[in-house]
Amino acid sequence: MAAPSGIDKEQIFGMAEKEMEYRVDLFNKLTQTCFDKCIEKRYKESELNMGENSCIDRCVSKYWQVTNLIGQLLGSSRPGM
C-alpha cells in the first residue's frame, strides 16, 4: 500500500480539523442548552443542588441520544451507503 500523497495528508488534516470544530461546537451547544434549562438564574449557593444535578444528567443524556439519532439518520440517508 502506497503512502498518502501531500494532498491526501492535507485532506486528512482538514477533515480532522473540521471534526474537532464540530465536536467543540457540539459541546458548547450542549453546555449552554443544559445550563439554560437546569440552572437557576439567581445563584443561591456555589454548588449545584440535587434538582439541578438530576436535570443536568437527564439533559445531557437526552442531548447525546438525539445527537446520535440524528447522526444515524443522516448517515443512512447518504446516497451509496
C-alpha atoms as a PDB file:
ATOM      1  CA  MET A   1       0.000   0.000   0.000  1.00  0.00           C
ATOM      2  CA  ALA A   2       1.454   3.360  -1.027  1.00  0.00           C
ATOM      3  CA  ALA A   3       1.975   6.197   1.446  1.00  0.00           C
ATOM      4  CA  PRO A   4      -0.557   9.023   1.109  1.00  0.00           C
ATOM      5  CA  SER A   5       0.477  11.955  -1.037  1.00  0.00           C
ATOM      6  CA  GLY A   6       0.743  15.530   0.258  1.00  0.00           C
ATOM      7  CA  ILE A   7      -2.776  16.317  -0.949  1.00  0.00           C
ATOM      8  CA  ASP A   8      -4.167  13.307   0.876  1.00  0.00           C
ATOM      9  CA  LYS A   9      -2.441  14.404   4.083  1.00  0.00           C
ATOM     10  CA  GLU A  10      -3.877  17.905   3.703  1.00  0.00           C
ATOM     11  CA  GLN A  11      -7.352  16.455   3.192  1.00  0.00           C
ATOM     12  CA  ILE A  12      -6.959  14.215   6.245  1.00  0.00           C
ATOM     13  CA  PHE A  13      -5.801  17.119   8.403  1.00  0.00           C
ATOM     14  CA  GLY A  14      -8.615  19.287   7.054  1.00  0.00           C
ATOM     15  CA  MET A  15     -11.188  16.628   7.890  1.00  0.00           C
ATOM     16  CA  ALA A  16      -9.703  16.167  11.368  1.00  0.00           C
ATOM     17  CA  GLU A  17      -9.835  19.921  11.937  1.00  0.00           C
ATOM     18  CA  LYS A  18     -13.496  20.065  10.847  1.00  0.00           C
ATOM     19  CA  GLU A  19     -14.312  17.129  13.126  1.00  0.00           C
ATOM     20  CA  MET A  20     -12.665  18.897  16.069  1.00  0.00           C
ATOM     21  CA  GLU A  21     -14.568  22.115  15.307  1.00  0.00           C
ATOM     22  CA  TYR A  22     -17.814  20.119  15.127  1.00  0.00           C
ATOM     23  CA  ARG A  23     -17.143  18.423  18.479  1.00  0.00           C
ATOM     24  CA  VAL A  24     -16.246  21.706  20.210  1.00  0.00           C
ATOM     25  CA  ASP A  25     -19.386  23.341  18.801  1.00  0.00           C
ATOM     26  CA  LEU A  26     -21.492  20.357  19.904  1.00  0.00           C
ATOM     27  CA  PHE A  27     -20.038  20.506  23.415  1.00  0.00           C
ATOM     28  CA  ASN A  28     -20.620  24.265  23.647  1.00  0.00           C
ATOM     29  CA  LYS A  29     -24.243  23.910  22.496  1.00  0.00           C
ATOM     30  CA  LEU A  30     -24.860  21.048  24.929  1.00  0.00           C
ATOM     31  CA  THR A  31     -23.343  23.045  27.791  1.00  0.00           C
ATOM     32  CA  GLN A  32     -25.346  26.182  27.016  1.00  0.00           C
ATOM     33  CA  THR A  33     -28.621  24.300  26.427  1.00  0.00           C
ATOM     34  CA  CYS A  34     -28.422  22.309  29.660  1.00  0.00           C
ATOM     35  CA  PHE A  35     -27.192  25.306  31.667  1.00  0.00           C
ATOM     36  CA  ASP A  36     -30.098  27.440  30.450  1.00  0.00           C
ATOM     37  CA  LYS A  37     -32.587  24.664  31.131  1.00  0.00           C
ATOM     38  CA  CYS A  38     -31.340  23.430  34.510  1.00  0.00           C
ATOM     39  CA  ILE A  39     -29.537  26.144  36.456  1.00  0.00           C
ATOM     40  CA  GLU A  40     -31.459  28.766  38.385  1.00  0.00           C
ATOM     41  CA  LYS A  41     -30.759  32.280  37.182  1.00  0.00           C
ATOM     42  CA  ARG A  42     -30.295  33.625  40.704  1.00  0.00           C
ATOM     43  CA  TYR A  43     -27.389  31.819  42.273  1.00  0.00           C
ATOM     44  CA  LYS A  44     -28.051  30.903  45.884  1.00  0.00           C
ATOM     45  CA  GLU A  45     -25.070  28.662  46.558  1.00  0.00           C
ATOM     46  CA  SER A  46     -21.807  27.730  44.886  1.00  0.00           C
ATOM     47  CA  GLU A  47     -22.652  24.032  44.419  1.00  0.00           C
ATOM     48  CA  LEU A  48     -25.373  22.520  42.247  1.00  0.00           C
ATOM     49  CA  ASN A  49     -28.364  21.324  44.211  1.00  0.00           C
ATOM     50  CA  MET A  50     -29.841  17.832  43.808  1.00  0.00           C
ATOM     51  CA  GLY A  51     -32.538  19.018  41.386  1.00  0.00           C
ATOM     52  CA  GLU A  52     -30.018  20.809  39.175  1.00  0.00           C
ATOM     53  CA  ASN A  53     -27.720  17.775  39.158  1.00  0.00           C
ATOM     54  CA  SER A  54     -30.587  15.491  38.182  1.00  0.00           C
ATOM     55  CA  CYS A  55     -31.759  17.886  35.475  1.00  0.00           C
ATOM     56  CA  ILE A  56     -28.262  18.180  34.005  1.00  0.00           C
ATOM     57  CA  ASP A  57     -27.841  14.382  33.964  1.00  0.00           C
ATOM     58  CA  ARG A  58     -31.131  13.959  32.096  1.00  0.00           C
ATOM     59  CA  CYS A  59     -30.448  16.892  29.775  1.00  0.00           C
ATOM     60  CA  VAL A  60     -27.003  15.654  28.740  1.00  0.00           C
ATOM     61  CA  SER A  61     -28.283  12.101  28.271  1.00  0.00           C
ATOM     62  CA  LYS A  62     -31.170  13.235  26.063  1.00  0.00           C
ATOM     63  CA  TYR A  63     -28.947  15.624  24.112  1.00  0.00           C
ATOM     64  CA  TRP A  64     -26.500  12.796  23.277  1.00  0.00           C
ATOM     65  CA  GLN A  65     -29.335  10.403  22.381  1.00  0.00           C
ATOM     66  CA  VAL A  66     -30.832  12.921  19.962  1.00  0.00           C
ATOM     67  CA  THR A  67     -27.429  13.814  18.513  1.00  0.00           C
ATOM     68  CA  ASN A  68     -26.633  10.132  17.921  1.00  0.00           C
ATOM     69  CA  LEU A  69     -30.066   9.503  16.400  1.00  0.00           C
ATOM     70  CA  ILE A  70     -29.689  12.447  14.014  1.00  0.00           C
ATOM     71  CA  GLY A  71     -26.210  11.226  13.055  1.00  0.00           C
ATOM     72  CA  GLN A  72     -27.587   7.769  12.308  1.00  0.00           C
ATOM     73  CA  LEU A  73     -30.470   9.166  10.262  1.00  0.00           C
ATOM     74  CA  LEU A  74     -28.187  11.445   8.269  1.00  0.00           C
ATOM     75  CA  GLY A  75     -25.696   8.623   7.748  1.00  0.00           C
ATOM     76  CA  SER A  76     -28.377   6.226   6.486  1.00  0.00           C
ATOM     77  CA  SER A  77     -29.784   8.794   4.042  1.00  0.00           C
ATOM     78  CA  ARG A  78     -26.497   9.332   2.198  1.00  0.00           C
ATOM     79  CA  PRO A  79     -26.575   8.011  -1.353  1.00  0.00           C
ATOM     80  CA  GLY A  80     -24.427   4.970  -1.920  1.00  0.00           C
ATOM     81  CA  MET A  81     -24.361   3.979   1.752  1.00  0.00           C
END
